[in-house]
Amino acid sequence: MDATGSGHGSAPPGEAPAGGTPAGASGRRRPTRAAVVVTLRSTTTATVLVAAYYLLPFTRHHVDVTTLVLGLSAVAVIFALQIQSITRSAHPRLRAVEALATTMPLFLLLYSTTYYVLEESVPGSFTEPLSRTDALYFTLTVFSTVGFGDIAARTEPARLVTMTQMAGNILVLGVATRILFGAVEAAVRRQSAGTREAPHRGPSAP
């Protein structure tokens, strides 16, 4: 031991002893690892949903309004569960990205499927026959409010479904996004409060 009372193998704060890992390196790796995991999960989820959209054999029956309502309700339930997971997550911003990567494809593909089945069940519902890609293209143009006009709803049922998507777009872009950001901010504040309180806590009992 030297004159300062330090051990022979001690190192300056923030540095590791010889052969060790720099202090804080593992803490820096954890967010990086979490980001990689979230990216992989989000990409996998979106890929599986799109593949299911193109591969599942949708039947040519009349579109049931109840089916669309149940599908939208399922999207809302999944979104609510994602909000809860954000507030409890150690990485709320990453969880918010994953929540968007899950709920947005579900919402859009639900309407794409509805448009496709509607055209298959009642030909002429749109200004041109819809393939699955055409239905997805129409869904995205409605969502982005681009409105190219090359495909448009022609019959009243098709226009009613399109209007529900327009209303859903407003809810998703306005209300749902605000709720999502609010959950992230709440989680960050909770983590900050816990960090400030930690130094004031006494040593835990053995």
N, C-alpha and C. Protein backbone atom coordinates (compact mmCIF):
# COMPACT_ATOMS: atom_id res chain seq x y z
N MET A 1 0.85 -1.19 0.00
CA MET A 1 0.00 0.00 0.00
C MET A 1 0.88 1.23 0.00
N ASP A 2 0.56 2.24 -0.82
CA ASP A 2 1.39 3.43 -0.89
C ASP A 2 0.93 4.45 0.13
N ALA A 3 1.52 5.64 0.03
CA ALA A 3 1.27 6.66 1.05
C ALA A 3 -0.16 7.15 1.04
N THR A 4 -0.84 7.04 -0.03
CA THR A 4 -2.22 7.51 -0.10
C THR A 4 -3.19 6.49 0.41
N GLY A 5 -2.72 5.31 0.75
CA GLY A 5 -3.60 4.27 1.26
C GLY A 5 -4.25 3.47 0.19
N SER A 6 -3.88 3.69 -1.07
CA SER A 6 -4.50 2.95 -2.16
C SER A 6 -3.84 1.61 -2.27
N GLY A 7 -4.57 0.64 -2.71
CA GLY A 7 -4.04 -0.69 -2.94
C GLY A 7 -3.12 -0.68 -4.13
N HIS A 8 -2.30 -1.71 -4.24
CA HIS A 8 -1.32 -1.78 -5.32
C HIS A 8 -1.98 -1.87 -6.69
N GLY A 9 -3.16 -2.53 -6.73
CA GLY A 9 -3.81 -2.74 -8.05
C GLY A 9 -4.88 -1.73 -8.35
N SER A 10 -4.96 -0.66 -7.56
CA SER A 10 -6.04 0.30 -7.79
C SER A 10 -5.74 1.13 -9.02
N ALA A 11 -6.79 1.71 -9.58
CA ALA A 11 -6.66 2.54 -10.78
C ALA A 11 -7.45 3.80 -10.58
N PRO A 12 -7.14 4.85 -11.31
CA PRO A 12 -7.90 6.11 -11.20
C PRO A 12 -9.36 5.87 -11.51
N PRO A 13 -10.26 6.69 -10.93
CA PRO A 13 -11.69 6.53 -11.20
C PRO A 13 -11.97 6.58 -12.69
N GLY A 14 -12.89 5.70 -13.12
CA GLY A 14 -13.26 5.65 -14.54
C GLY A 14 -12.38 4.77 -15.36
N GLU A 15 -11.23 4.28 -14.76
CA GLU A 15 -10.35 3.39 -15.48
C GLU A 15 -10.33 2.04 -14.80
N ALA A 16 -10.04 1.03 -15.56
CA ALA A 16 -10.03 -0.32 -15.02
C ALA A 16 -8.61 -0.72 -14.70
N PRO A 17 -8.43 -1.63 -13.75
CA PRO A 17 -7.10 -2.19 -13.52
C PRO A 17 -6.61 -2.87 -14.77
N ALA A 18 -5.30 -3.17 -14.77
CA ALA A 18 -4.71 -3.82 -15.94
C ALA A 18 -5.44 -5.10 -16.25
N GLY A 19 -5.79 -5.27 -17.50
CA GLY A 19 -6.48 -6.49 -17.92
C GLY A 19 -7.97 -6.44 -17.69
N GLY A 20 -8.51 -5.36 -17.10
CA GLY A 20 -9.93 -5.28 -16.81
C GLY A 20 -10.68 -4.52 -17.86
N THR A 21 -11.97 -4.27 -17.57
CA THR A 21 -12.83 -3.52 -18.48
C THR A 21 -13.01 -2.12 -17.95
N PRO A 22 -12.91 -1.08 -18.76
CA PRO A 22 -13.09 0.28 -18.29
C PRO A 22 -14.41 0.44 -17.57
N ALA A 23 -14.38 1.23 -16.48
CA ALA A 23 -15.60 1.44 -15.71
C ALA A 23 -16.65 2.09 -16.59
N GLY A 24 -17.86 1.62 -16.47
CA GLY A 24 -18.98 2.16 -17.26
C GLY A 24 -19.11 1.57 -18.63
N ALA A 25 -18.16 0.74 -19.05
CA ALA A 25 -18.25 0.16 -20.39
C ALA A 25 -19.43 -0.76 -20.51
N SER A 26 -19.67 -1.57 -19.46
CA SER A 26 -20.81 -2.48 -19.51
C SER A 26 -22.11 -1.72 -19.53
N GLY A 27 -22.14 -0.56 -18.82
CA GLY A 27 -23.35 0.25 -18.84
C GLY A 27 -23.62 0.85 -20.21
N ARG A 28 -22.52 1.18 -20.94
CA ARG A 28 -22.71 1.71 -22.30
C ARG A 28 -23.14 0.62 -23.26
N ARG A 29 -22.71 -0.62 -22.99
CA ARG A 29 -23.06 -1.70 -23.91
C ARG A 29 -24.52 -2.10 -23.77
N ARG A 30 -25.08 -1.94 -22.55
CA ARG A 30 -26.45 -2.39 -22.35
C ARG A 30 -27.45 -1.68 -23.25
N PRO A 31 -27.43 -0.31 -23.32
CA PRO A 31 -28.35 0.35 -24.26
C PRO A 31 -28.12 -0.06 -25.71
N THR A 32 -26.85 -0.26 -26.09
CA THR A 32 -26.56 -0.68 -27.46
C THR A 32 -27.14 -2.06 -27.73
N ARG A 33 -26.97 -2.96 -26.78
CA ARG A 33 -27.53 -4.30 -26.94
C ARG A 33 -29.05 -4.24 -27.01
N ALA A 34 -29.65 -3.40 -26.16
CA ALA A 34 -31.11 -3.26 -26.18
C ALA A 34 -31.59 -2.70 -27.50
N ALA A 35 -30.85 -1.74 -28.07
CA ALA A 35 -31.24 -1.17 -29.36
C ALA A 35 -31.18 -2.21 -30.46
N VAL A 36 -30.17 -3.06 -30.42
CA VAL A 36 -30.06 -4.12 -31.43
C VAL A 36 -31.23 -5.09 -31.30
N VAL A 37 -31.56 -5.46 -30.06
CA VAL A 37 -32.66 -6.40 -29.83
C VAL A 37 -33.98 -5.81 -30.31
N VAL A 38 -34.23 -4.54 -29.98
CA VAL A 38 -35.47 -3.89 -30.40
C VAL A 38 -35.54 -3.79 -31.92
N THR A 39 -34.43 -3.46 -32.56
CA THR A 39 -34.40 -3.36 -34.01
C THR A 39 -34.72 -4.71 -34.65
N LEU A 40 -34.12 -5.76 -34.14
CA LEU A 40 -34.37 -7.09 -34.69
C LEU A 40 -35.82 -7.51 -34.47
N ARG A 41 -36.34 -7.26 -33.28
CA ARG A 41 -37.72 -7.64 -33.00
C ARG A 41 -38.70 -6.86 -33.87
N SER A 42 -38.46 -5.55 -34.01
CA SER A 42 -39.35 -4.72 -34.81
C SER A 42 -39.32 -5.13 -36.27
N THR A 43 -38.13 -5.38 -36.80
CA THR A 43 -38.00 -5.81 -38.19
C THR A 43 -38.66 -7.15 -38.41
N THR A 44 -38.47 -8.07 -37.47
CA THR A 44 -39.07 -9.40 -37.59
C THR A 44 -40.59 -9.31 -37.55
N THR A 45 -41.11 -8.51 -36.63
CA THR A 45 -42.57 -8.36 -36.51
C THR A 45 -43.18 -7.81 -37.79
N ALA A 46 -42.58 -6.74 -38.32
CA ALA A 46 -43.10 -6.14 -39.55
C ALA A 46 -43.00 -7.11 -40.72
N THR A 47 -41.90 -7.85 -40.80
CA THR A 47 -41.72 -8.82 -41.90
C THR A 47 -42.75 -9.93 -41.82
N VAL A 48 -42.99 -10.44 -40.62
CA VAL A 48 -43.97 -11.52 -40.45
C VAL A 48 -45.38 -11.04 -40.81
N LEU A 49 -45.73 -9.82 -40.39
CA LEU A 49 -47.06 -9.30 -40.69
C LEU A 49 -47.26 -9.10 -42.19
N VAL A 50 -46.27 -8.55 -42.87
CA VAL A 50 -46.39 -8.35 -44.32
C VAL A 50 -46.44 -9.70 -45.04
N ALA A 51 -45.62 -10.65 -44.60
CA ALA A 51 -45.64 -11.98 -45.21
C ALA A 51 -47.00 -12.65 -45.02
N ALA A 52 -47.57 -12.50 -43.82
CA ALA A 52 -48.89 -13.08 -43.57
C ALA A 52 -49.94 -12.43 -44.46
N TYR A 53 -49.82 -11.14 -44.68
CA TYR A 53 -50.77 -10.44 -45.54
C TYR A 53 -50.75 -10.99 -46.96
N TYR A 54 -49.57 -11.29 -47.46
CA TYR A 54 -49.47 -11.78 -48.83
C TYR A 54 -49.72 -13.29 -48.95
N LEU A 55 -49.54 -14.04 -47.87
CA LEU A 55 -49.61 -15.49 -47.97
C LEU A 55 -50.92 -16.09 -47.48
N LEU A 56 -51.59 -15.44 -46.55
CA LEU A 56 -52.82 -16.03 -46.00
C LEU A 56 -53.91 -16.05 -47.07
N PRO A 57 -54.67 -17.15 -47.14
CA PRO A 57 -55.72 -17.26 -48.16
C PRO A 57 -57.02 -16.59 -47.72
N PHE A 58 -57.15 -15.30 -47.97
CA PHE A 58 -58.37 -14.60 -47.61
C PHE A 58 -59.52 -15.08 -48.50
N THR A 59 -60.65 -15.36 -47.88
CA THR A 59 -61.80 -15.87 -48.62
C THR A 59 -62.60 -14.72 -49.22
N ARG A 60 -63.33 -15.02 -50.26
CA ARG A 60 -64.09 -13.99 -50.97
C ARG A 60 -65.52 -13.88 -50.42
N HIS A 61 -65.65 -13.66 -49.13
CA HIS A 61 -66.98 -13.44 -48.57
C HIS A 61 -67.18 -11.95 -48.36
N HIS A 62 -68.43 -11.59 -48.13
CA HIS A 62 -68.71 -10.18 -47.92
C HIS A 62 -68.01 -9.69 -46.66
N VAL A 63 -67.52 -8.49 -46.73
CA VAL A 63 -66.81 -7.92 -45.59
C VAL A 63 -67.80 -7.68 -44.46
N ASP A 64 -67.48 -8.21 -43.30
CA ASP A 64 -68.32 -8.04 -42.14
C ASP A 64 -67.80 -6.85 -41.34
N VAL A 65 -68.67 -5.91 -41.06
CA VAL A 65 -68.25 -4.74 -40.29
C VAL A 65 -67.75 -5.17 -38.91
N THR A 66 -68.36 -6.23 -38.37
CA THR A 66 -67.93 -6.72 -37.06
C THR A 66 -66.47 -7.15 -37.08
N THR A 67 -66.05 -7.77 -38.18
CA THR A 67 -64.67 -8.22 -38.29
C THR A 67 -63.71 -7.03 -38.25
N LEU A 68 -64.05 -5.96 -38.95
CA LEU A 68 -63.21 -4.77 -38.95
C LEU A 68 -63.16 -4.14 -37.56
N VAL A 69 -64.31 -4.07 -36.90
CA VAL A 69 -64.36 -3.49 -35.55
C VAL A 69 -63.54 -4.32 -34.58
N LEU A 70 -63.65 -5.66 -34.68
CA LEU A 70 -62.86 -6.53 -33.80
C LEU A 70 -61.36 -6.36 -34.06
N GLY A 71 -61.01 -6.22 -35.34
CA GLY A 71 -59.60 -6.03 -35.67
C GLY A 71 -59.06 -4.72 -35.10
N LEU A 72 -59.83 -3.65 -35.23
CA LEU A 72 -59.40 -2.37 -34.67
C LEU A 72 -59.35 -2.42 -33.15
N SER A 73 -60.27 -3.16 -32.54
CA SER A 73 -60.24 -3.32 -31.08
C SER A 73 -58.98 -4.06 -30.65
N ALA A 74 -58.59 -5.08 -31.43
CA ALA A 74 -57.37 -5.82 -31.11
C ALA A 74 -56.15 -4.91 -31.21
N VAL A 75 -56.12 -4.04 -32.22
CA VAL A 75 -55.01 -3.09 -32.35
C VAL A 75 -54.96 -2.16 -31.14
N ALA A 76 -56.14 -1.71 -30.68
CA ALA A 76 -56.19 -0.82 -29.52
C ALA A 76 -55.70 -1.53 -28.25
N VAL A 77 -56.07 -2.80 -28.09
CA VAL A 77 -55.62 -3.56 -26.92
C VAL A 77 -54.11 -3.74 -26.95
N ILE A 78 -53.57 -4.10 -28.12
CA ILE A 78 -52.12 -4.26 -28.25
C ILE A 78 -51.40 -2.96 -27.95
N PHE A 79 -51.97 -1.85 -28.41
CA PHE A 79 -51.35 -0.54 -28.15
C PHE A 79 -51.36 -0.23 -26.66
N ALA A 80 -52.47 -0.55 -25.98
CA ALA A 80 -52.54 -0.30 -24.53
C ALA A 80 -51.51 -1.14 -23.78
N LEU A 81 -51.33 -2.38 -24.20
CA LEU A 81 -50.31 -3.22 -23.56
C LEU A 81 -48.91 -2.67 -23.81
N GLN A 82 -48.68 -2.14 -25.00
CA GLN A 82 -47.38 -1.55 -25.31
C GLN A 82 -47.13 -0.32 -24.43
N ILE A 83 -48.16 0.48 -24.17
CA ILE A 83 -48.01 1.65 -23.32
C ILE A 83 -47.60 1.23 -21.91
N GLN A 84 -48.23 0.18 -21.39
CA GLN A 84 -47.87 -0.31 -20.06
C GLN A 84 -46.42 -0.78 -20.02
N SER A 85 -45.99 -1.47 -21.08
CA SER A 85 -44.61 -1.96 -21.11
C SER A 85 -43.62 -0.80 -21.19
N ILE A 86 -44.00 0.31 -21.84
CA ILE A 86 -43.12 1.47 -21.93
C ILE A 86 -42.90 2.07 -20.55
N THR A 87 -43.96 2.21 -19.78
CA THR A 87 -43.83 2.84 -18.46
C THR A 87 -43.00 2.01 -17.51
N ARG A 88 -42.89 0.71 -17.74
CA ARG A 88 -42.10 -0.16 -16.86
C ARG A 88 -40.72 -0.48 -17.43
N SER A 89 -40.44 -0.04 -18.63
CA SER A 89 -39.21 -0.43 -19.30
C SER A 89 -38.02 0.40 -18.82
N ALA A 90 -36.84 -0.23 -18.82
CA ALA A 90 -35.61 0.49 -18.52
C ALA A 90 -35.16 1.35 -19.70
N HIS A 91 -35.70 1.05 -20.89
CA HIS A 91 -35.37 1.81 -22.11
C HIS A 91 -36.69 2.24 -22.78
N PRO A 92 -37.39 3.22 -22.19
CA PRO A 92 -38.73 3.56 -22.70
C PRO A 92 -38.73 4.06 -24.13
N ARG A 93 -37.70 4.78 -24.53
CA ARG A 93 -37.68 5.29 -25.91
C ARG A 93 -37.59 4.14 -26.92
N LEU A 94 -36.78 3.16 -26.61
CA LEU A 94 -36.67 2.00 -27.50
C LEU A 94 -37.98 1.22 -27.53
N ARG A 95 -38.62 1.09 -26.39
CA ARG A 95 -39.90 0.37 -26.35
C ARG A 95 -40.95 1.13 -27.14
N ALA A 96 -40.88 2.47 -27.15
CA ALA A 96 -41.83 3.25 -27.93
C ALA A 96 -41.64 2.99 -29.42
N VAL A 97 -40.40 2.90 -29.85
CA VAL A 97 -40.12 2.58 -31.25
C VAL A 97 -40.69 1.21 -31.60
N GLU A 98 -40.51 0.25 -30.70
CA GLU A 98 -41.04 -1.09 -30.95
C GLU A 98 -42.56 -1.09 -30.97
N ALA A 99 -43.17 -0.28 -30.12
CA ALA A 99 -44.63 -0.19 -30.10
C ALA A 99 -45.16 0.32 -31.43
N LEU A 100 -44.52 1.35 -31.97
CA LEU A 100 -44.93 1.87 -33.27
C LEU A 100 -44.72 0.84 -34.38
N ALA A 101 -43.60 0.11 -34.30
CA ALA A 101 -43.29 -0.88 -35.32
C ALA A 101 -44.25 -2.06 -35.28
N THR A 102 -44.98 -2.21 -34.19
CA THR A 102 -45.95 -3.31 -34.09
C THR A 102 -47.35 -2.85 -34.46
N THR A 103 -47.79 -1.73 -33.88
CA THR A 103 -49.18 -1.31 -34.06
C THR A 103 -49.43 -0.69 -35.43
N MET A 104 -48.47 0.07 -35.97
CA MET A 104 -48.70 0.71 -37.26
C MET A 104 -48.88 -0.30 -38.39
N PRO A 105 -48.00 -1.31 -38.54
CA PRO A 105 -48.25 -2.31 -39.58
C PRO A 105 -49.57 -3.04 -39.39
N LEU A 106 -49.94 -3.34 -38.15
CA LEU A 106 -51.22 -4.00 -37.90
C LEU A 106 -52.38 -3.13 -38.38
N PHE A 107 -52.34 -1.87 -38.05
CA PHE A 107 -53.41 -0.95 -38.44
C PHE A 107 -53.52 -0.85 -39.96
N LEU A 108 -52.39 -0.64 -40.62
CA LEU A 108 -52.41 -0.48 -42.07
C LEU A 108 -52.78 -1.76 -42.80
N LEU A 109 -52.24 -2.88 -42.36
CA LEU A 109 -52.53 -4.16 -43.03
C LEU A 109 -53.96 -4.61 -42.78
N LEU A 110 -54.54 -4.21 -41.66
CA LEU A 110 -55.95 -4.52 -41.42
C LEU A 110 -56.83 -3.85 -42.47
N TYR A 111 -56.55 -2.59 -42.78
CA TYR A 111 -57.33 -1.90 -43.80
C TYR A 111 -56.99 -2.41 -45.20
N SER A 112 -55.74 -2.75 -45.44
CA SER A 112 -55.39 -3.31 -46.75
C SER A 112 -56.16 -4.60 -47.01
N THR A 113 -56.23 -5.44 -45.99
CA THR A 113 -56.98 -6.69 -46.12
C THR A 113 -58.46 -6.42 -46.37
N THR A 114 -59.01 -5.44 -45.67
CA THR A 114 -60.43 -5.11 -45.84
C THR A 114 -60.71 -4.62 -47.25
N TYR A 115 -59.86 -3.76 -47.78
CA TYR A 115 -60.05 -3.27 -49.14
C TYR A 115 -59.94 -4.40 -50.16
N TYR A 116 -58.96 -5.26 -49.96
CA TYR A 116 -58.75 -6.36 -50.90
C TYR A 116 -59.95 -7.30 -50.92
N VAL A 117 -60.40 -7.71 -49.74
CA VAL A 117 -61.54 -8.64 -49.65
C VAL A 117 -62.81 -7.97 -50.16
N LEU A 118 -62.97 -6.68 -49.90
CA LEU A 118 -64.15 -5.97 -50.40
C LEU A 118 -64.20 -5.97 -51.92
N GLU A 119 -63.08 -5.71 -52.56
CA GLU A 119 -63.04 -5.72 -54.02
C GLU A 119 -63.25 -7.13 -54.57
N GLU A 120 -62.70 -8.13 -53.88
CA GLU A 120 -62.90 -9.51 -54.32
C GLU A 120 -64.35 -9.93 -54.16
N SER A 121 -65.00 -9.47 -53.09
CA SER A 121 -66.39 -9.85 -52.83
C SER A 121 -67.36 -9.09 -53.72
N VAL A 122 -67.10 -7.80 -53.90
CA VAL A 122 -67.98 -6.95 -54.70
C VAL A 122 -67.12 -6.24 -55.74
N PRO A 123 -66.88 -6.89 -56.89
CA PRO A 123 -66.05 -6.25 -57.93
C PRO A 123 -66.63 -4.90 -58.36
N GLY A 124 -65.75 -3.95 -58.56
CA GLY A 124 -66.20 -2.62 -58.92
C GLY A 124 -66.31 -1.69 -57.73
N SER A 125 -65.94 -2.18 -56.54
CA SER A 125 -65.98 -1.31 -55.36
C SER A 125 -64.98 -0.17 -55.48
N PHE A 126 -63.94 -0.37 -56.27
CA PHE A 126 -62.93 0.66 -56.50
C PHE A 126 -62.83 0.93 -57.99
N THR A 127 -62.15 1.96 -58.35
CA THR A 127 -62.08 2.38 -59.74
C THR A 127 -61.29 1.40 -60.60
N GLU A 128 -60.56 0.48 -59.99
CA GLU A 128 -59.87 -0.57 -60.73
C GLU A 128 -59.74 -1.79 -59.83
N PRO A 129 -59.61 -2.98 -60.41
CA PRO A 129 -59.45 -4.18 -59.59
C PRO A 129 -58.19 -4.06 -58.70
N LEU A 130 -58.30 -4.60 -57.48
CA LEU A 130 -57.21 -4.47 -56.53
C LEU A 130 -56.52 -5.81 -56.31
N SER A 131 -55.22 -5.81 -56.52
CA SER A 131 -54.40 -6.92 -56.03
C SER A 131 -54.04 -6.59 -54.58
N ARG A 132 -53.33 -7.49 -53.93
CA ARG A 132 -52.93 -7.21 -52.55
C ARG A 132 -51.98 -6.01 -52.49
N THR A 133 -51.11 -5.91 -53.47
CA THR A 133 -50.21 -4.77 -53.51
C THR A 133 -50.99 -3.48 -53.78
N ASP A 134 -51.97 -3.55 -54.67
CA ASP A 134 -52.80 -2.37 -54.94
C ASP A 134 -53.55 -1.93 -53.69
N ALA A 135 -54.07 -2.89 -52.94
CA ALA A 135 -54.80 -2.55 -51.71
C ALA A 135 -53.88 -1.91 -50.68
N LEU A 136 -52.65 -2.43 -50.56
CA LEU A 136 -51.69 -1.83 -49.63
C LEU A 136 -51.29 -0.44 -50.10
N TYR A 137 -51.12 -0.28 -51.40
CA TYR A 137 -50.78 1.02 -51.98
C TYR A 137 -51.88 2.04 -51.68
N PHE A 138 -53.14 1.63 -51.88
CA PHE A 138 -54.26 2.54 -51.61
C PHE A 138 -54.31 2.90 -50.13
N THR A 139 -54.06 1.92 -49.25
CA THR A 139 -54.06 2.17 -47.81
C THR A 139 -53.01 3.21 -47.44
N LEU A 140 -51.82 3.07 -48.01
CA LEU A 140 -50.74 4.00 -47.69
C LEU A 140 -51.00 5.41 -48.24
N THR A 141 -51.64 5.50 -49.41
CA THR A 141 -51.95 6.82 -49.94
C THR A 141 -53.01 7.52 -49.08
N VAL A 142 -53.97 6.75 -48.57
CA VAL A 142 -54.96 7.34 -47.67
C VAL A 142 -54.30 7.76 -46.36
N PHE A 143 -53.41 6.93 -45.84
CA PHE A 143 -52.75 7.23 -44.57
C PHE A 143 -51.86 8.47 -44.69
N SER A 144 -51.14 8.57 -45.79
CA SER A 144 -50.21 9.68 -45.96
C SER A 144 -50.89 10.93 -46.53
N THR A 145 -52.18 10.81 -46.83
CA THR A 145 -52.98 11.91 -47.41
C THR A 145 -52.39 12.43 -48.71
N VAL A 146 -51.69 11.56 -49.44
CA VAL A 146 -51.14 11.97 -50.74
C VAL A 146 -52.25 12.16 -51.75
N GLY A 147 -53.15 11.15 -51.84
CA GLY A 147 -54.30 11.29 -52.72
C GLY A 147 -53.96 11.42 -54.18
N PHE A 148 -53.25 10.41 -54.74
CA PHE A 148 -52.90 10.46 -56.16
C PHE A 148 -54.15 10.44 -57.04
N GLY A 149 -55.17 9.72 -56.61
CA GLY A 149 -56.40 9.68 -57.38
C GLY A 149 -56.47 8.57 -58.41
N ASP A 150 -55.37 7.79 -58.56
CA ASP A 150 -55.42 6.70 -59.55
C ASP A 150 -56.31 5.56 -59.08
N ILE A 151 -56.42 5.37 -57.76
CA ILE A 151 -57.35 4.39 -57.19
C ILE A 151 -58.24 5.14 -56.22
N ALA A 152 -59.55 4.93 -56.35
CA ALA A 152 -60.49 5.61 -55.47
C ALA A 152 -61.65 4.68 -55.16
N ALA A 153 -62.27 4.89 -54.01
CA ALA A 153 -63.45 4.10 -53.63
C ALA A 153 -64.64 4.54 -54.48
N ARG A 154 -65.35 3.56 -55.05
CA ARG A 154 -66.46 3.89 -55.95
C ARG A 154 -67.81 3.65 -55.31
N THR A 155 -67.98 2.54 -54.59
CA THR A 155 -69.27 2.21 -54.00
C THR A 155 -69.38 2.80 -52.60
N GLU A 156 -70.59 2.84 -52.09
CA GLU A 156 -70.81 3.41 -50.76
C GLU A 156 -70.11 2.61 -49.66
N PRO A 157 -70.19 1.26 -49.64
CA PRO A 157 -69.46 0.53 -48.59
C PRO A 157 -67.96 0.80 -48.62
N ALA A 158 -67.38 0.86 -49.82
CA ALA A 158 -65.95 1.12 -49.92
C ALA A 158 -65.62 2.52 -49.41
N ARG A 159 -66.47 3.48 -49.68
CA ARG A 159 -66.22 4.84 -49.20
C ARG A 159 -66.37 4.92 -47.68
N LEU A 160 -67.32 4.17 -47.14
CA LEU A 160 -67.50 4.17 -45.68
C LEU A 160 -66.26 3.59 -44.98
N VAL A 161 -65.73 2.50 -45.52
CA VAL A 161 -64.52 1.91 -44.93
C VAL A 161 -63.35 2.89 -45.04
N THR A 162 -63.25 3.56 -46.19
CA THR A 162 -62.17 4.52 -46.38
C THR A 162 -62.28 5.68 -45.40
N MET A 163 -63.50 6.11 -45.13
CA MET A 163 -63.69 7.20 -44.18
C MET A 163 -63.30 6.77 -42.76
N THR A 164 -63.58 5.51 -42.41
CA THR A 164 -63.16 5.04 -41.08
C THR A 164 -61.63 5.04 -40.97
N GLN A 165 -60.95 4.72 -42.08
CA GLN A 165 -59.49 4.79 -42.02
C GLN A 165 -59.01 6.23 -41.87
N MET A 166 -59.67 7.16 -42.56
CA MET A 166 -59.30 8.57 -42.42
C MET A 166 -59.43 9.02 -40.97
N ALA A 167 -60.55 8.62 -40.33
CA ALA A 167 -60.73 8.97 -38.92
C ALA A 167 -59.69 8.28 -38.05
N GLY A 168 -59.39 7.02 -38.38
CA GLY A 168 -58.37 6.30 -37.63
C GLY A 168 -56.99 6.92 -37.78
N ASN A 169 -56.71 7.45 -38.97
CA ASN A 169 -55.43 8.12 -39.18
C ASN A 169 -55.27 9.31 -38.24
N ILE A 170 -56.35 10.07 -38.06
CA ILE A 170 -56.30 11.23 -37.16
C ILE A 170 -56.04 10.78 -35.73
N LEU A 171 -56.70 9.70 -35.33
CA LEU A 171 -56.51 9.20 -33.96
C LEU A 171 -55.09 8.68 -33.76
N VAL A 172 -54.57 7.97 -34.77
CA VAL A 172 -53.22 7.41 -34.65
C VAL A 172 -52.17 8.52 -34.61
N LEU A 173 -52.29 9.48 -35.53
CA LEU A 173 -51.28 10.53 -35.63
C LEU A 173 -51.40 11.56 -34.53
N GLY A 174 -52.60 11.73 -33.99
CA GLY A 174 -52.80 12.73 -32.95
C GLY A 174 -52.83 12.15 -31.56
N VAL A 175 -53.93 11.47 -31.23
CA VAL A 175 -54.14 10.99 -29.86
C VAL A 175 -53.13 9.92 -29.48
N ALA A 176 -52.98 8.88 -30.33
CA ALA A 176 -52.10 7.76 -29.98
C ALA A 176 -50.65 8.21 -29.84
N THR A 177 -50.19 9.09 -30.74
CA THR A 177 -48.82 9.57 -30.65
C THR A 177 -48.59 10.38 -29.39
N ARG A 178 -49.57 11.18 -29.01
CA ARG A 178 -49.46 11.96 -27.77
C ARG A 178 -49.39 11.04 -26.55
N ILE A 179 -50.23 10.01 -26.54
CA ILE A 179 -50.21 9.04 -25.44
C ILE A 179 -48.86 8.35 -25.37
N LEU A 180 -48.32 8.00 -26.53
CA LEU A 180 -47.03 7.31 -26.59
C LEU A 180 -45.92 8.18 -26.01
N PHE A 181 -45.85 9.42 -26.43
CA PHE A 181 -44.82 10.33 -25.92
C PHE A 181 -45.01 10.59 -24.43
N GLY A 182 -46.28 10.67 -23.99
CA GLY A 182 -46.54 10.86 -22.57
C GLY A 182 -46.04 9.70 -21.73
N ALA A 183 -46.20 8.48 -22.25
CA ALA A 183 -45.71 7.31 -21.52
C ALA A 183 -44.19 7.32 -21.43
N VAL A 184 -43.54 7.73 -22.51
CA VAL A 184 -42.07 7.82 -22.50
C VAL A 184 -41.61 8.86 -21.48
N GLU A 185 -42.24 10.03 -21.48
CA GLU A 185 -41.84 11.07 -20.54
C GLU A 185 -42.07 10.63 -19.10
N ALA A 186 -43.18 9.93 -18.84
CA ALA A 186 -43.45 9.46 -17.48
C ALA A 186 -42.40 8.46 -17.03
N ALA A 187 -42.00 7.57 -17.93
CA ALA A 187 -40.98 6.58 -17.58
C ALA A 187 -39.63 7.25 -17.33
N VAL A 188 -39.28 8.25 -18.14
CA VAL A 188 -38.01 8.95 -17.95
C VAL A 188 -38.00 9.71 -16.63
N ARG A 189 -39.12 10.37 -16.30
CA ARG A 189 -39.20 11.08 -15.02
C ARG A 189 -39.08 10.12 -13.85
N ARG A 190 -39.71 8.95 -13.95
CA ARG A 190 -39.62 7.97 -12.88
C ARG A 190 -38.19 7.50 -12.70
N GLN A 191 -37.50 7.25 -13.80
CA GLN A 191 -36.10 6.82 -13.71
C GLN A 191 -35.22 7.93 -13.13
N SER A 192 -35.47 9.18 -13.52
CA SER A 192 -34.67 10.29 -12.99
C SER A 192 -34.90 10.47 -11.50
N ALA A 193 -36.15 10.32 -11.06
CA ALA A 193 -36.45 10.44 -9.64
C ALA A 193 -35.77 9.33 -8.84
N GLY A 194 -35.77 8.12 -9.39
CA GLY A 194 -35.10 7.01 -8.71
C GLY A 194 -33.61 7.21 -8.63
N THR A 195 -33.02 7.81 -9.66
CA THR A 195 -31.57 8.06 -9.65
C THR A 195 -31.20 9.11 -8.61
N ARG A 196 -32.04 10.15 -8.47
CA ARG A 196 -31.74 11.20 -7.48
C ARG A 196 -31.90 10.69 -6.06
N GLU A 197 -32.85 9.77 -5.83
CA GLU A 197 -33.10 9.28 -4.49
C GLU A 197 -32.08 8.25 -4.05
N ALA A 198 -31.46 7.57 -5.00
CA ALA A 198 -30.56 6.47 -4.66
C ALA A 198 -29.40 6.89 -3.77
N PRO A 199 -28.69 8.04 -4.01
CA PRO A 199 -27.56 8.40 -3.16
C PRO A 199 -27.96 8.71 -1.73
N HIS A 200 -29.24 9.07 -1.48
CA HIS A 200 -29.67 9.44 -0.15
C HIS A 200 -30.10 8.23 0.67
N ARG A 201 -30.20 7.11 0.06
CA ARG A 201 -30.61 5.92 0.78
C ARG A 201 -29.42 5.33 1.53
N GLY A 202 -29.70 4.88 2.72
CA GLY A 202 -28.64 4.27 3.51
C GLY A 202 -28.32 2.88 3.01
N PRO A 203 -27.27 2.28 3.52
CA PRO A 203 -26.93 0.93 3.10
C PRO A 203 -28.02 -0.05 3.47
N SER A 204 -28.29 -0.95 2.57
CA SER A 204 -29.36 -1.93 2.81
C SER A 204 -28.93 -2.93 3.87
N ALA A 205 -29.92 -3.44 4.56
CA ALA A 205 -29.65 -4.42 5.62
C ALA A 205 -29.13 -5.70 4.99
N PRO A 206 -28.26 -6.39 5.68
CA PRO A 206 -27.75 -7.65 5.13
C PRO A 206 -28.83 -8.69 5.01
